[in-house]
């Protein structure tokens, strides 16, 4: 299990202006994922938690795991 904190969820760009290039559909997905994950950041991240978040977002739990690793 991985212990995470709220500072792990900050959405930032490596290059100024890079976030403006994200298409609106992708940005909406990122916002939904962030809203679902942020309240769980103090909990140990495991498959059960990923499944709960995935159910909320109507995606497969592996998608949640992949997205969390990219944060």
PDB file of N, CA and C in Angstrom:
ATOM      1  N   UNK A   1       0.837  -1.182   0.000  1.00  0.00           N
ATOM      2  CA  UNK A   1       0.000   0.000   0.000  1.00  0.00           C
ATOM      3  C   UNK A   1       0.879   1.242   0.000  1.00  0.00           C
ATOM      4  N   UNK A   2       0.393   2.265  -0.643  1.00  0.00           N
ATOM      5  CA  UNK A   2       1.117   3.520  -0.742  1.00  0.00           C
ATOM      6  C   UNK A   2       0.418   4.576   0.096  1.00  0.00           C
ATOM      7  N   UNK A   3       1.158   5.267   0.950  1.00  0.00           N
ATOM      8  CA  UNK A   3       0.594   6.363   1.730  1.00  0.00           C
ATOM      9  C   UNK A   3       0.733   7.640   0.920  1.00  0.00           C
ATOM     10  N   UNK A   4      -0.354   8.387   0.793  1.00  0.00           N
ATOM     11  CA  UNK A   4      -0.352   9.607   0.007  1.00  0.00           C
ATOM     12  C   UNK A   4      -0.787  10.780   0.870  1.00  0.00           C
ATOM     13  N   UNK A   5      -0.562  11.979   0.399  1.00  0.00           N
ATOM     14  CA  UNK A   5      -1.016  13.166   1.113  1.00  0.00           C
ATOM     15  C   UNK A   5      -1.657  14.118   0.116  1.00  0.00           C
ATOM     16  N   UNK A   6      -2.323  15.142   0.629  1.00  0.00           N
ATOM     17  CA  UNK A   6      -3.009  16.110  -0.232  1.00  0.00           C
ATOM     18  C   UNK A   6      -2.077  16.783  -1.224  1.00  0.00           C
ATOM     19  N   UNK A   7      -0.825  16.956  -0.870  1.00  0.00           N
ATOM     20  CA  UNK A   7       0.094  17.630  -1.788  1.00  0.00           C
ATOM     21  C   UNK A   7       0.397  16.765  -3.007  1.00  0.00           C
ATOM     22  N   UNK A   8       0.049  15.466  -2.978  1.00  0.00           N
ATOM     23  CA  UNK A   8       0.271  14.595  -4.123  1.00  0.00           C
ATOM     24  C   UNK A   8      -0.712  14.866  -5.260  1.00  0.00           C
ATOM     25  N   UNK A   9      -1.749  15.658  -5.028  1.00  0.00           N
ATOM     26  CA  UNK A   9      -2.804  15.810  -6.017  1.00  0.00           C
ATOM     27  C   UNK A   9      -2.789  17.159  -6.730  1.00  0.00           C
ATOM     28  N   UNK A  10      -1.768  17.952  -6.546  1.00  0.00           N
ATOM     29  CA  UNK A  10      -1.739  19.253  -7.205  1.00  0.00           C
ATOM     30  C   UNK A  10      -1.580  19.082  -8.704  1.00  0.00           C
ATOM     31  N   UNK A  11      -2.439  19.759  -9.466  1.00  0.00           N
ATOM     32  CA  UNK A  11      -2.364  19.712 -10.924  1.00  0.00           C
ATOM     33  C   UNK A  11      -1.495  20.877 -11.348  1.00  0.00           C
ATOM     34  N   UNK A  12      -0.343  20.574 -11.906  1.00  0.00           N
ATOM     35  CA  UNK A  12       0.574  21.616 -12.351  1.00  0.00           C
ATOM     36  C   UNK A  12       1.139  21.254 -13.716  1.00  0.00           C
ATOM     37  N   UNK A  13       1.642  22.232 -14.396  1.00  0.00           N
ATOM     38  CA  UNK A  13       2.265  22.012 -15.697  1.00  0.00           C
ATOM     39  C   UNK A  13       3.772  22.194 -15.572  1.00  0.00           C
ATOM     40  N   UNK A  14       4.501  21.504 -16.424  1.00  0.00           N
ATOM     41  CA  UNK A  14       5.957  21.645 -16.443  1.00  0.00           C
ATOM     42  C   UNK A  14       6.373  22.899 -17.201  1.00  0.00           C
ATOM     43  N   UNK A  15       5.542  23.307 -18.154  1.00  0.00           N
ATOM     44  CA  UNK A  15       5.843  24.466 -18.987  1.00  0.00           C
ATOM     45  C   UNK A  15       4.688  25.452 -18.863  1.00  0.00           C
ATOM     46  N   UNK A  16       4.966  26.743 -18.637  1.00  0.00           N
ATOM     47  CA  UNK A  16       3.876  27.706 -18.551  1.00  0.00           C
ATOM     48  C   UNK A  16       3.006  27.653 -19.805  1.00  0.00           C
ATOM     49  N   UNK A  17       1.678  27.620 -19.608  1.00  0.00           N
ATOM     50  CA  UNK A  17       0.751  27.590 -20.722  1.00  0.00           C
ATOM     51  C   UNK A  17       0.388  26.191 -21.198  1.00  0.00           C
ATOM     52  N   UNK A  18       1.065  25.166 -20.692  1.00  0.00           N
ATOM     53  CA  UNK A  18       0.827  23.798 -21.143  1.00  0.00           C
ATOM     54  C   UNK A  18      -0.585  23.322 -20.813  1.00  0.00           C
ATOM     55  N   UNK A  19      -1.126  23.704 -19.667  1.00  0.00           N
ATOM     56  CA  UNK A  19      -2.459  23.257 -19.272  1.00  0.00           C
ATOM     57  C   UNK A  19      -3.549  23.813 -20.181  1.00  0.00           C
ATOM     58  N   UNK A  20      -3.313  24.969 -20.759  1.00  0.00           N
ATOM     59  CA  UNK A  20      -4.299  25.555 -21.661  1.00  0.00           C
ATOM     60  C   UNK A  20      -4.454  24.746 -22.942  1.00  0.00           C
ATOM     61  N   UNK A  21      -3.496  23.879 -23.245  1.00  0.00           N
ATOM     62  CA  UNK A  21      -3.546  23.080 -24.468  1.00  0.00           C
ATOM     63  C   UNK A  21      -4.377  21.807 -24.311  1.00  0.00           C
ATOM     64  N   UNK A  22      -4.800  21.494 -23.094  1.00  0.00           N
ATOM     65  CA  UNK A  22      -5.595  20.292 -22.858  1.00  0.00           C
ATOM     66  C   UNK A  22      -7.017  20.537 -23.352  1.00  0.00           C
ATOM     67  N   UNK A  23      -7.530  19.571 -24.133  1.00  0.00           N
ATOM     68  CA  UNK A  23      -8.878  19.753 -24.670  1.00  0.00           C
ATOM     69  C   UNK A  23      -9.905  19.681 -23.532  1.00  0.00           C
ATOM     70  N   UNK A  24     -11.051  20.335 -23.686  1.00  0.00           N
ATOM     71  CA  UNK A  24     -12.057  20.423 -22.622  1.00  0.00           C
ATOM     72  C   UNK A  24     -12.559  19.062 -22.123  1.00  0.00           C
ATOM     73  N   UNK A  25     -12.685  18.084 -23.008  1.00  0.00           N
ATOM     74  CA  UNK A  25     -13.163  16.761 -22.588  1.00  0.00           C
ATOM     75  C   UNK A  25     -12.167  16.108 -21.639  1.00  0.00           C
ATOM     76  N   UNK A  26     -10.899  16.177 -21.984  1.00  0.00           N
ATOM     77  CA  UNK A  26      -9.861  15.608 -21.127  1.00  0.00           C
ATOM     78  C   UNK A  26      -9.800  16.359 -19.802  1.00  0.00           C
ATOM     79  N   UNK A  27      -9.913  17.678 -19.858  1.00  0.00           N
ATOM     80  CA  UNK A  27      -9.845  18.479 -18.637  1.00  0.00           C
ATOM     81  C   UNK A  27     -10.996  18.127 -17.689  1.00  0.00           C
ATOM     82  N   UNK A  28     -12.183  17.948 -18.241  1.00  0.00           N
ATOM     83  CA  UNK A  28     -13.339  17.559 -17.422  1.00  0.00           C
ATOM     84  C   UNK A  28     -13.079  16.216 -16.748  1.00  0.00           C
ATOM     85  N   UNK A  29     -12.506  15.278 -17.472  1.00  0.00           N
ATOM     86  CA  UNK A  29     -12.176  13.961 -16.911  1.00  0.00           C
ATOM     87  C   UNK A  29     -11.161  14.091 -15.772  1.00  0.00           C
ATOM     88  N   UNK A  30     -10.167  14.943 -15.963  1.00  0.00           N
ATOM     89  CA  UNK A  30      -9.154  15.174 -14.920  1.00  0.00           C
ATOM     90  C   UNK A  30      -9.810  15.770 -13.677  1.00  0.00           C
ATOM     91  N   UNK A  31     -10.717  16.715 -13.869  1.00  0.00           N
ATOM     92  CA  UNK A  31     -11.404  17.337 -12.731  1.00  0.00           C
ATOM     93  C   UNK A  31     -12.259  16.325 -11.974  1.00  0.00           C
ATOM     94  N   UNK A  32     -12.969  15.457 -12.701  1.00  0.00           N
ATOM     95  CA  UNK A  32     -13.785  14.427 -12.048  1.00  0.00           C
ATOM     96  C   UNK A  32     -12.907  13.451 -11.261  1.00  0.00           C
ATOM     97  N   UNK A  33     -11.815  13.049 -11.864  1.00  0.00           N
ATOM     98  CA  UNK A  33     -10.897  12.128 -11.195  1.00  0.00           C
ATOM     99  C   UNK A  33     -10.309  12.777  -9.948  1.00  0.00           C
ATOM    100  N   UNK A  34      -9.907  14.023 -10.057  1.00  0.00           N
ATOM    101  CA  UNK A  34      -9.351  14.740  -8.911  1.00  0.00           C
ATOM    102  C   UNK A  34     -10.382  14.867  -7.792  1.00  0.00           C
ATOM    103  N   UNK A  35     -11.626  15.185  -8.142  1.00  0.00           N
ATOM    104  CA  UNK A  35     -12.681  15.331  -7.131  1.00  0.00           C
ATOM    105  C   UNK A  35     -12.962  14.006  -6.435  1.00  0.00           C
ATOM    106  N   UNK A  36     -12.836  12.907  -7.154  1.00  0.00           N
ATOM    107  CA  UNK A  36     -13.093  11.594  -6.559  1.00  0.00           C
ATOM    108  C   UNK A  36     -11.924  11.126  -5.700  1.00  0.00           C
ATOM    109  N   UNK A  37     -10.714  11.467  -6.099  1.00  0.00           N
ATOM    110  CA  UNK A  37      -9.522  10.966  -5.407  1.00  0.00           C
ATOM    111  C   UNK A  37      -9.120  11.842  -4.222  1.00  0.00           C
ATOM    112  N   UNK A  38      -9.241  13.143  -4.353  1.00  0.00           N
ATOM    113  CA  UNK A  38      -8.753  14.067  -3.318  1.00  0.00           C
ATOM    114  C   UNK A  38      -9.244  13.722  -1.901  1.00  0.00           C
ATOM    115  N   UNK A  39     -10.533  13.377  -1.701  1.00  0.00           N
ATOM    116  CA  UNK A  39     -10.982  13.058  -0.340  1.00  0.00           C
ATOM    117  C   UNK A  39     -10.353  11.784   0.240  1.00  0.00           C
ATOM    118  N   UNK A  40      -9.742  10.975  -0.602  1.00  0.00           N
ATOM    119  CA  UNK A  40      -9.168   9.707  -0.142  1.00  0.00           C
ATOM    120  C   UNK A  40      -7.664   9.778   0.093  1.00  0.00           C
ATOM    121  N   UNK A  41      -7.069  10.935  -0.090  1.00  0.00           N
ATOM    122  CA  UNK A  41      -5.608  11.021  -0.089  1.00  0.00           C
ATOM    123  C   UNK A  41      -4.948  10.642   1.233  1.00  0.00           C
ATOM    124  N   UNK A  42      -5.645  10.755   2.322  1.00  0.00           N
ATOM    125  CA  UNK A  42      -5.059  10.385   3.610  1.00  0.00           C
ATOM    126  C   UNK A  42      -5.221   8.891   3.903  1.00  0.00           C
ATOM    127  N   UNK A  43      -5.944   8.172   3.038  1.00  0.00           N
ATOM    128  CA  UNK A  43      -6.160   6.740   3.223  1.00  0.00           C
ATOM    129  C   UNK A  43      -5.098   5.956   2.462  1.00  0.00           C
ATOM    130  N   UNK A  44      -4.765   4.755   2.917  1.00  0.00           N
ATOM    131  CA  UNK A  44      -3.850   3.918   2.140  1.00  0.00           C
ATOM    132  C   UNK A  44      -4.487   3.568   0.799  1.00  0.00           C
ATOM    133  N   UNK A  45      -3.751   3.725  -0.280  1.00  0.00           N
ATOM    134  CA  UNK A  45      -4.284   3.450  -1.607  1.00  0.00           C
ATOM    135  C   UNK A  45      -4.093   1.969  -1.919  1.00  0.00           C
ATOM    136  N   UNK A  46      -5.196   1.288  -2.175  1.00  0.00           N
ATOM    137  CA  UNK A  46      -5.145  -0.126  -2.502  1.00  0.00           C
ATOM    138  C   UNK A  46      -6.239  -0.431  -3.520  1.00  0.00           C
ATOM    139  N   UNK A  47      -6.377  -1.686  -3.895  1.00  0.00           N
ATOM    140  CA  UNK A  47      -7.350  -2.061  -4.918  1.00  0.00           C
ATOM    141  C   UNK A  47      -8.773  -1.758  -4.486  1.00  0.00           C
ATOM    142  N   UNK A  48      -9.094  -1.973  -3.232  1.00  0.00           N
ATOM    143  CA  UNK A  48     -10.450  -1.715  -2.753  1.00  0.00           C
ATOM    144  C   UNK A  48     -10.814  -0.244  -2.935  1.00  0.00           C
ATOM    145  N   UNK A  49      -9.912   0.636  -2.567  1.00  0.00           N
ATOM    146  CA  UNK A  49     -10.158   2.069  -2.732  1.00  0.00           C
ATOM    147  C   UNK A  49     -10.253   2.428  -4.212  1.00  0.00           C
ATOM    148  N   UNK A  50      -9.382   1.860  -5.027  1.00  0.00           N
ATOM    149  CA  UNK A  50      -9.431   2.110  -6.470  1.00  0.00           C
ATOM    150  C   UNK A  50     -10.763   1.649  -7.051  1.00  0.00           C
ATOM    151  N   UNK A  51     -11.277   0.514  -6.566  1.00  0.00           N
ATOM    152  CA  UNK A  51     -12.571   0.019  -7.044  1.00  0.00           C
ATOM    153  C   UNK A  51     -13.711   0.950  -6.646  1.00  0.00           C
ATOM    154  N   UNK A  52     -13.651   1.514  -5.450  1.00  0.00           N
ATOM    155  CA  UNK A  52     -14.689   2.438  -4.998  1.00  0.00           C
ATOM    156  C   UNK A  52     -14.687   3.709  -5.849  1.00  0.00           C
ATOM    157  N   UNK A  53     -13.500   4.241  -6.106  1.00  0.00           N
ATOM    158  CA  UNK A  53     -13.385   5.446  -6.932  1.00  0.00           C
ATOM    159  C   UNK A  53     -13.855   5.144  -8.350  1.00  0.00           C
ATOM    160  N   UNK A  54     -13.455   3.994  -8.881  1.00  0.00           N
ATOM    161  CA  UNK A  54     -13.833   3.598 -10.238  1.00  0.00           C
ATOM    162  C   UNK A  54     -15.340   3.463 -10.373  1.00  0.00           C
ATOM    163  N   UNK A  55     -15.979   2.904  -9.372  1.00  0.00           N
ATOM    164  CA  UNK A  55     -17.432   2.759  -9.418  1.00  0.00           C
ATOM    165  C   UNK A  55     -18.092   4.134  -9.494  1.00  0.00           C
ATOM    166  N   UNK A  56     -17.571   5.078  -8.740  1.00  0.00           N
ATOM    167  CA  UNK A  56     -18.100   6.445  -8.754  1.00  0.00           C
ATOM    168  C   UNK A  56     -17.931   7.096 -10.134  1.00  0.00           C
ATOM    169  N   UNK A  57     -16.808   6.814 -10.789  1.00  0.00           N
ATOM    170  CA  UNK A  57     -16.509   7.430 -12.082  1.00  0.00           C
ATOM    171  C   UNK A  57     -16.983   6.604 -13.277  1.00  0.00           C
ATOM    172  N   UNK A  58     -17.506   5.396 -13.008  1.00  0.00           N
ATOM    173  CA  UNK A  58     -17.960   4.500 -14.076  1.00  0.00           C
ATOM    174  C   UNK A  58     -16.818   4.115 -15.015  1.00  0.00           C
ATOM    175  N   UNK A  59     -15.677   3.796 -14.419  1.00  0.00           N
ATOM    176  CA  UNK A  59     -14.521   3.302 -15.168  1.00  0.00           C
ATOM    177  C   UNK A  59     -14.004   2.048 -14.472  1.00  0.00           C
ATOM    178  N   UNK A  60     -13.087   1.359 -15.112  1.00  0.00           N
ATOM    179  CA  UNK A  60     -12.469   0.176 -14.519  1.00  0.00           C
ATOM    180  C   UNK A  60     -11.475   0.635 -13.448  1.00  0.00           C
ATOM    181  N   UNK A  61     -11.334  -0.159 -12.397  1.00  0.00           N
ATOM    182  CA  UNK A  61     -10.448   0.230 -11.291  1.00  0.00           C
ATOM    183  C   UNK A  61      -9.000   0.375 -11.735  1.00  0.00           C
ATOM    184  N   UNK A  62      -8.586  -0.368 -12.755  1.00  0.00           N
ATOM    185  CA  UNK A  62      -7.204  -0.255 -13.241  1.00  0.00           C
ATOM    186  C   UNK A  62      -6.966   1.141 -13.838  1.00  0.00           C
ATOM    187  N   UNK A  63      -7.995   1.721 -14.436  1.00  0.00           N
ATOM    188  CA  UNK A  63      -7.885   3.087 -14.958  1.00  0.00           C
ATOM    189  C   UNK A  63      -7.562   4.059 -13.835  1.00  0.00           C
ATOM    190  N   UNK A  64      -8.196   3.882 -12.699  1.00  0.00           N
ATOM    191  CA  UNK A  64      -7.932   4.744 -11.544  1.00  0.00           C
ATOM    192  C   UNK A  64      -6.496   4.576 -11.086  1.00  0.00           C
ATOM    193  N   UNK A  65      -6.026   3.348 -10.999  1.00  0.00           N
ATOM    194  CA  UNK A  65      -4.646   3.093 -10.573  1.00  0.00           C
ATOM    195  C   UNK A  65      -3.668   3.758 -11.528  1.00  0.00           C
ATOM    196  N   UNK A  66      -3.894   3.603 -12.818  1.00  0.00           N
ATOM    197  CA  UNK A  66      -2.997   4.222 -13.812  1.00  0.00           C
ATOM    198  C   UNK A  66      -2.979   5.744 -13.665  1.00  0.00           C
ATOM    199  N   UNK A  67      -4.155   6.339 -13.504  1.00  0.00           N
ATOM    200  CA  UNK A  67      -4.227   7.799 -13.386  1.00  0.00           C
ATOM    201  C   UNK A  67      -3.564   8.270 -12.105  1.00  0.00           C
ATOM    202  N   UNK A  68      -3.698   7.534 -11.033  1.00  0.00           N
ATOM    203  CA  UNK A  68      -3.074   7.930  -9.771  1.00  0.00           C
ATOM    204  C   UNK A  68      -1.556   7.873  -9.857  1.00  0.00           C
ATOM    205  N   UNK A  69      -1.042   6.960 -10.618  1.00  0.00           N
ATOM    206  CA  UNK A  69       0.418   6.848 -10.783  1.00  0.00           C
ATOM    207  C   UNK A  69       0.960   8.010 -11.602  1.00  0.00           C
ATOM    208  N   UNK A  70       0.120   8.636 -12.428  1.00  0.00           N
ATOM    209  CA  UNK A  70       0.555   9.745 -13.262  1.00  0.00           C
ATOM    210  C   UNK A  70       0.503  11.069 -12.514  1.00  0.00           C
ATOM    211  N   UNK A  71      -0.111  11.098 -11.353  1.00  0.00           N
ATOM    212  CA  UNK A  71      -0.267  12.336 -10.592  1.00  0.00           C
ATOM    213  C   UNK A  71       1.046  12.749  -9.972  1.00  0.00           C
TER     214      UNK A  71
END
